[in-house]
PDB file of all heavy atoms in Angstrom:
ATOM      1  N   ARG A   1      71.717 -40.822  41.805  1.00  0.00           N
ATOM      2  CA  ARG A   1      72.901 -40.937  41.149  1.00  0.00           C
ATOM      3  C   ARG A   1      73.392 -39.595  40.603  1.00  0.00           C
ATOM      4  O   ARG A   1      74.504 -39.264  40.230  1.00  0.00           O
ATOM      5  CB  ARG A   1      72.774 -41.879  39.941  1.00  0.00           C
ATOM      6  CG  ARG A   1      72.811 -43.392  40.334  1.00  0.00           C
ATOM      7  CD  ARG A   1      72.554 -44.208  39.111  1.00  0.00           C
ATOM      8  NE  ARG A   1      71.274 -44.146  38.925  1.00  0.00           N
ATOM      9  CZ  ARG A   1      70.554 -44.668  37.840  1.00  0.00           C
ATOM     10  NH1 ARG A   1      71.257 -45.258  36.901  1.00  0.00           N
ATOM     11  NH2 ARG A   1      69.200 -44.635  37.784  1.00  0.00           N
ATOM     12  N   THR A   2      72.436 -38.611  40.476  1.00  0.00           N
ATOM     13  CA  THR A   2      72.716 -37.236  39.926  1.00  0.00           C
ATOM     14  C   THR A   2      73.006 -36.253  41.039  1.00  0.00           C
ATOM     15  O   THR A   2      73.360 -35.124  40.667  1.00  0.00           O
ATOM     16  CB  THR A   2      71.557 -36.711  39.085  1.00  0.00           C
ATOM     17  OG1 THR A   2      70.402 -36.709  39.877  1.00  0.00           O
ATOM     18  CG2 THR A   2      71.317 -37.690  37.883  1.00  0.00           C
ATOM     19  N   GLY A   3      72.861 -36.592  42.247  1.00  0.00           N
ATOM     20  CA  GLY A   3      73.273 -35.609  43.300  1.00  0.00           C
ATOM     21  C   GLY A   3      72.528 -35.863  44.646  1.00  0.00           C
ATOM     22  O   GLY A   3      71.989 -36.914  44.870  1.00  0.00           O
ATOM     23  N   PRO A   4      72.755 -34.943  45.504  1.00  0.00           N
ATOM     24  CA  PRO A   4      72.184 -35.061  46.855  1.00  0.00           C
ATOM     25  C   PRO A   4      70.670 -35.003  46.863  1.00  0.00           C
ATOM     26  O   PRO A   4      70.039 -34.550  45.918  1.00  0.00           O
ATOM     27  CB  PRO A   4      72.718 -33.872  47.641  1.00  0.00           C
ATOM     28  CG  PRO A   4      72.988 -32.822  46.538  1.00  0.00           C
ATOM     29  CD  PRO A   4      73.414 -33.703  45.341  1.00  0.00           C
ATOM     30  N   GLY A   5      70.109 -35.526  47.932  1.00  0.00           N
ATOM     31  CA  GLY A   5      68.653 -35.507  47.967  1.00  0.00           C
ATOM     32  C   GLY A   5      67.991 -34.073  48.276  1.00  0.00           C
ATOM     33  O   GLY A   5      66.827 -33.930  48.073  1.00  0.00           O
ATOM     34  N   ILE A   6      68.864 -33.319  48.858  1.00  0.00           N
ATOM     35  CA  ILE A   6      68.363 -31.846  49.093  1.00  0.00           C
ATOM     36  C   ILE A   6      69.393 -31.012  48.332  1.00  0.00           C
ATOM     37  O   ILE A   6      70.658 -31.058  48.566  1.00  0.00           O
ATOM     38  CB  ILE A   6      68.420 -31.566  50.576  1.00  0.00           C
ATOM     39  CG1 ILE A   6      67.636 -32.523  51.348  1.00  0.00           C
ATOM     40  CG2 ILE A   6      67.932 -30.076  50.871  1.00  0.00           C
ATOM     41  CD1 ILE A   6      67.679 -32.292  52.905  1.00  0.00           C
ATOM     42  N   THR A   7      68.921 -30.261  47.419  1.00  0.00           N
ATOM     43  CA  THR A   7      69.699 -29.365  46.530  1.00  0.00           C
ATOM     44  C   THR A   7      70.143 -28.064  47.155  1.00  0.00           C
ATOM     45  O   THR A   7      71.291 -27.681  46.887  1.00  0.00           O
ATOM     46  CB  THR A   7      69.044 -29.133  45.240  1.00  0.00           C
ATOM     47  OG1 THR A   7      68.595 -30.443  44.683  1.00  0.00           O
ATOM     48  CG2 THR A   7      69.888 -28.454  44.196  1.00  0.00           C
ATOM     49  N   TYR A   8      69.270 -27.429  47.960  1.00  0.00           N
ATOM     50  CA  TYR A   8      69.487 -26.037  48.294  1.00  0.00           C
ATOM     51  C   TYR A   8      69.662 -25.886  49.790  1.00  0.00           C
ATOM     52  O   TYR A   8      68.906 -26.556  50.602  1.00  0.00           O
ATOM     53  CB  TYR A   8      68.334 -25.151  47.722  1.00  0.00           C
ATOM     54  CG  TYR A   8      68.175 -25.266  46.296  1.00  0.00           C
ATOM     55  CD1 TYR A   8      67.201 -25.901  45.659  1.00  0.00           C
ATOM     56  CD2 TYR A   8      69.181 -24.684  45.452  1.00  0.00           C
ATOM     57  CE1 TYR A   8      67.052 -26.043  44.358  1.00  0.00           C
ATOM     58  CE2 TYR A   8      69.093 -24.864  44.076  1.00  0.00           C
ATOM     59  CZ  TYR A   8      68.018 -25.518  43.480  1.00  0.00           C
ATOM     60  OH  TYR A   8      67.896 -25.588  42.243  1.00  0.00           O
ATOM     61  N   PRO A   9      70.625 -25.050  50.176  1.00  0.00           N
ATOM     62  CA  PRO A   9      70.880 -24.790  51.594  1.00  0.00           C
ATOM     63  C   PRO A   9      69.598 -24.310  52.348  1.00  0.00           C
ATOM     64  O   PRO A   9      69.485 -24.498  53.563  1.00  0.00           O
ATOM     65  CB  PRO A   9      72.068 -23.885  51.689  1.00  0.00           C
ATOM     66  CG  PRO A   9      72.180 -23.218  50.249  1.00  0.00           C
ATOM     67  CD  PRO A   9      71.548 -24.203  49.401  1.00  0.00           C
ATOM     68  N   GLY A  10      68.791 -23.535  51.695  1.00  0.00           N
ATOM     69  CA  GLY A  10      67.530 -23.046  52.379  1.00  0.00           C
ATOM     70  C   GLY A  10      66.655 -24.127  52.809  1.00  0.00           C
ATOM     71  O   GLY A  10      66.013 -24.085  53.915  1.00  0.00           O
ATOM     72  N   THR A  11      66.631 -25.241  51.960  1.00  0.00           N
ATOM     73  CA  THR A  11      65.789 -26.346  52.418  1.00  0.00           C
ATOM     74  C   THR A  11      66.386 -27.142  53.539  1.00  0.00           C
ATOM     75  O   THR A  11      65.700 -27.515  54.403  1.00  0.00           O
ATOM     76  CB  THR A  11      65.631 -27.356  51.249  1.00  0.00           C
ATOM     77  OG1 THR A  11      65.091 -26.490  50.034  1.00  0.00           O
ATOM     78  CG2 THR A  11      64.819 -28.515  51.497  1.00  0.00           C
ATOM     79  N   ILE A  12      67.827 -27.150  53.500  1.00  0.00           N
ATOM     80  CA  ILE A  12      68.379 -27.833  54.695  1.00  0.00           C
ATOM     81  C   ILE A  12      68.163 -26.954  55.902  1.00  0.00           C
ATOM     82  O   ILE A  12      67.826 -27.535  57.046  1.00  0.00           O
ATOM     83  CB  ILE A  12      70.017 -27.987  54.336  1.00  0.00           C
ATOM     84  CG1 ILE A  12      70.094 -28.961  53.224  1.00  0.00           C
ATOM     85  CG2 ILE A  12      70.725 -28.290  55.660  1.00  0.00           C
ATOM     86  CD1 ILE A  12      71.499 -28.885  52.658  1.00  0.00           C
ATOM     87  N   TYR A  13      68.333 -25.709  55.854  1.00  0.00           N
ATOM     88  CA  TYR A  13      68.083 -24.753  56.950  1.00  0.00           C
ATOM     89  C   TYR A  13      66.691 -24.930  57.553  1.00  0.00           C
ATOM     90  O   TYR A  13      66.455 -25.136  58.815  1.00  0.00           O
ATOM     91  CB  TYR A  13      68.310 -23.310  56.601  1.00  0.00           C
ATOM     92  CG  TYR A  13      68.072 -22.269  57.623  1.00  0.00           C
ATOM     93  CD1 TYR A  13      68.883 -22.062  58.691  1.00  0.00           C
ATOM     94  CD2 TYR A  13      66.828 -21.563  57.616  1.00  0.00           C
ATOM     95  CE1 TYR A  13      68.605 -21.119  59.713  1.00  0.00           C
ATOM     96  CE2 TYR A  13      66.480 -20.671  58.516  1.00  0.00           C
ATOM     97  CZ  TYR A  13      67.450 -20.356  59.507  1.00  0.00           C
ATOM     98  OH  TYR A  13      67.131 -19.464  60.519  1.00  0.00           O
ATOM     99  N   ARG A  14      65.687 -24.937  56.674  1.00  0.00           N
ATOM    100  CA  ARG A  14      64.350 -25.067  57.180  1.00  0.00           C
ATOM    101  C   ARG A  14      64.090 -26.429  57.717  1.00  0.00           C
ATOM    102  O   ARG A  14      63.327 -26.700  58.737  1.00  0.00           O
ATOM    103  CB  ARG A  14      63.310 -24.841  56.020  1.00  0.00           C
ATOM    104  CG  ARG A  14      63.276 -23.423  55.530  1.00  0.00           C
ATOM    105  CD  ARG A  14      62.163 -23.137  54.569  1.00  0.00           C
ATOM    106  NE  ARG A  14      61.961 -24.100  53.432  1.00  0.00           N
ATOM    107  CZ  ARG A  14      62.498 -24.148  52.373  1.00  0.00           C
ATOM    108  NH1 ARG A  14      63.505 -23.227  51.988  1.00  0.00           N
ATOM    109  NH2 ARG A  14      62.308 -25.108  51.514  1.00  0.00           N
ATOM    110  N   SER A  15      64.616 -27.466  57.075  1.00  0.00           N
ATOM    111  CA  SER A  15      64.476 -28.836  57.682  1.00  0.00           C
ATOM    112  C   SER A  15      65.145 -29.049  59.021  1.00  0.00           C
ATOM    113  O   SER A  15      64.538 -29.549  60.079  1.00  0.00           O
ATOM    114  CB  SER A  15      65.112 -29.843  56.688  1.00  0.00           C
ATOM    115  OG  SER A  15      64.494 -29.782  55.487  1.00  0.00           O
ATOM    116  N   ILE A  16      66.315 -28.493  59.156  1.00  0.00           N
ATOM    117  CA  ILE A  16      66.956 -28.527  60.591  1.00  0.00           C
ATOM    118  C   ILE A  16      66.116 -27.785  61.587  1.00  0.00           C
ATOM    119  O   ILE A  16      65.915 -28.269  62.724  1.00  0.00           O
ATOM    120  CB  ILE A  16      68.393 -27.856  60.572  1.00  0.00           C
ATOM    121  CG1 ILE A  16      69.357 -28.833  59.692  1.00  0.00           C
ATOM    122  CG2 ILE A  16      68.955 -27.762  62.005  1.00  0.00           C
ATOM    123  CD1 ILE A  16      70.685 -28.184  59.367  1.00  0.00           C
ATOM    124  N   GLY A  17      65.618 -26.614  61.138  1.00  0.00           N
ATOM    125  CA  GLY A  17      64.696 -25.821  62.120  1.00  0.00           C
ATOM    126  C   GLY A  17      63.492 -26.628  62.546  1.00  0.00           C
ATOM    127  O   GLY A  17      63.099 -26.629  63.590  1.00  0.00           O
ATOM    128  N   SER A  18      62.928 -27.356  61.595  1.00  0.00           N
ATOM    129  CA  SER A  18      61.664 -28.153  61.913  1.00  0.00           C
ATOM    130  C   SER A  18      62.087 -29.277  62.858  1.00  0.00           C
ATOM    131  O   SER A  18      61.289 -29.531  63.776  1.00  0.00           O
ATOM    132  CB  SER A  18      61.136 -28.655  60.616  1.00  0.00           C
ATOM    133  OG  SER A  18      60.580 -27.599  59.893  1.00  0.00           O
ATOM    134  N   PHE A  19      63.213 -29.913  62.558  1.00  0.00           N
ATOM    135  CA  PHE A  19      63.586 -31.016  63.479  1.00  0.00           C
ATOM    136  C   PHE A  19      64.057 -30.545  64.837  1.00  0.00           C
ATOM    137  O   PHE A  19      63.834 -31.106  65.860  1.00  0.00           O
ATOM    138  CB  PHE A  19      64.702 -31.849  62.800  1.00  0.00           C
ATOM    139  CG  PHE A  19      64.188 -32.841  61.774  1.00  0.00           C
ATOM    140  CD1 PHE A  19      64.433 -32.678  60.406  1.00  0.00           C
ATOM    141  CD2 PHE A  19      63.407 -33.810  62.102  1.00  0.00           C
ATOM    142  CE1 PHE A  19      64.072 -33.539  59.496  1.00  0.00           C
ATOM    143  CE2 PHE A  19      62.796 -34.740  61.124  1.00  0.00           C
ATOM    144  CZ  PHE A  19      63.218 -34.626  59.819  1.00  0.00           C
ATOM    145  N   ALA A  20      64.548 -29.297  64.876  1.00  0.00           N
ATOM    146  CA  ALA A  20      64.857 -28.665  66.163  1.00  0.00           C
ATOM    147  C   ALA A  20      63.632 -28.406  66.977  1.00  0.00           C
ATOM    148  O   ALA A  20      63.594 -28.647  68.176  1.00  0.00           O
ATOM    149  CB  ALA A  20      65.754 -27.418  66.037  1.00  0.00           C
ATOM    150  N   SER A  21      62.585 -27.907  66.244  1.00  0.00           N
ATOM    151  CA  SER A  21      61.295 -27.729  66.897  1.00  0.00           C
ATOM    152  C   SER A  21      60.701 -28.958  67.479  1.00  0.00           C
ATOM    153  O   SER A  21      60.227 -29.014  68.614  1.00  0.00           O
ATOM    154  CB  SER A  21      60.355 -27.016  65.992  1.00  0.00           C
ATOM    155  OG  SER A  21      60.720 -25.698  65.665  1.00  0.00           O
ATOM    156  N   LEU A  22      60.817 -30.005  66.671  1.00  0.00           N
ATOM    157  CA  LEU A  22      60.337 -31.325  67.182  1.00  0.00           C
ATOM    158  C   LEU A  22      61.038 -31.806  68.323  1.00  0.00           C
ATOM    159  O   LEU A  22      60.531 -32.152  69.383  1.00  0.00           O
ATOM    160  CB  LEU A  22      60.474 -32.352  65.999  1.00  0.00           C
ATOM    161  CG  LEU A  22      59.864 -33.660  66.313  1.00  0.00           C
ATOM    162  CD1 LEU A  22      58.977 -34.204  65.166  1.00  0.00           C
ATOM    163  CD2 LEU A  22      60.944 -34.647  66.531  1.00  0.00           C
ATOM    164  N   ALA A  23      62.408 -31.744  68.304  1.00  0.00           N
ATOM    165  CA  ALA A  23      63.274 -32.276  69.368  1.00  0.00           C
ATOM    166  C   ALA A  23      62.987 -31.472  70.623  1.00  0.00           C
ATOM    167  O   ALA A  23      63.024 -31.971  71.760  1.00  0.00           O
ATOM    168  CB  ALA A  23      64.804 -32.141  68.950  1.00  0.00           C
ATOM    169  N   HIS A  24      62.737 -30.127  70.514  1.00  0.00           N
ATOM    170  CA  HIS A  24      62.516 -29.236  71.607  1.00  0.00           C
ATOM    171  C   HIS A  24      61.163 -29.718  72.362  1.00  0.00           C
ATOM    172  O   HIS A  24      61.203 -29.504  73.639  1.00  0.00           O
ATOM    173  CB  HIS A  24      62.436 -27.845  71.144  1.00  0.00           C
ATOM    174  CG  HIS A  24      62.110 -26.827  72.259  1.00  0.00           C
ATOM    175  ND1 HIS A  24      63.084 -26.378  73.124  1.00  0.00           N
ATOM    176  CD2 HIS A  24      61.040 -26.164  72.652  1.00  0.00           C
ATOM    177  CE1 HIS A  24      62.654 -25.555  73.967  1.00  0.00           C
ATOM    178  NE2 HIS A  24      61.299 -25.381  73.697  1.00  0.00           N
ATOM    179  N   ARG A  25      60.280 -30.291  71.668  1.00  0.00           N
ATOM    180  CA  ARG A  25      59.104 -30.717  72.440  1.00  0.00           C
ATOM    181  C   ARG A  25      59.295 -32.051  73.099  1.00  0.00           C
ATOM    182  O   ARG A  25      58.402 -32.428  73.781  1.00  0.00           O
ATOM    183  CB  ARG A  25      57.930 -30.702  71.368  1.00  0.00           C
ATOM    184  CG  ARG A  25      57.585 -29.260  70.931  1.00  0.00           C
ATOM    185  CD  ARG A  25      56.666 -29.316  69.630  1.00  0.00           C
ATOM    186  NE  ARG A  25      56.171 -27.931  69.353  1.00  0.00           N
ATOM    187  CZ  ARG A  25      56.826 -27.149  68.668  1.00  0.00           C
ATOM    188  NH1 ARG A  25      58.073 -27.277  68.246  1.00  0.00           N
ATOM    189  NH2 ARG A  25      56.297 -25.911  68.381  1.00  0.00           N
ATOM    190  N   LEU A  26      60.212 -32.888  72.707  1.00  0.00           N
ATOM    191  CA  LEU A  26      60.329 -34.235  73.186  1.00  0.00           C
ATOM    192  C   LEU A  26      60.576 -34.305  74.694  1.00  0.00           C
ATOM    193  O   LEU A  26      59.991 -35.282  75.340  1.00  0.00           O
ATOM    194  CB  LEU A  26      61.434 -34.906  72.408  1.00  0.00           C
ATOM    195  CG  LEU A  26      61.005 -35.253  70.973  1.00  0.00           C
ATOM    196  CD1 LEU A  26      62.294 -35.848  70.236  1.00  0.00           C
ATOM    197  CD2 LEU A  26      59.886 -36.136  70.818  1.00  0.00           C
ATOM    198  N   PRO A  27      61.348 -33.531  75.367  1.00  0.00           N
ATOM    199  CA  PRO A  27      61.498 -33.720  76.765  1.00  0.00           C
ATOM    200  C   PRO A  27      60.154 -33.641  77.644  1.00  0.00           C
ATOM    201  O   PRO A  27      59.897 -34.490  78.440  1.00  0.00           O
ATOM    202  CB  PRO A  27      62.419 -32.548  77.237  1.00  0.00           C
ATOM    203  CG  PRO A  27      63.316 -32.368  75.975  1.00  0.00           C
ATOM    204  CD  PRO A  27      62.272 -32.481  74.812  1.00  0.00           C
TER     205      PRO A  27
END
C-alpha cells in the first residue's frame, strides 16, 4: 500500500541482469 515492491533502480537493474543470465542458459 505504501509503494512498489522494489524501491531503487539499481535493484531493478541487478534483478534484470540476473534474470537475463538465467534466460541465457535456458536454450
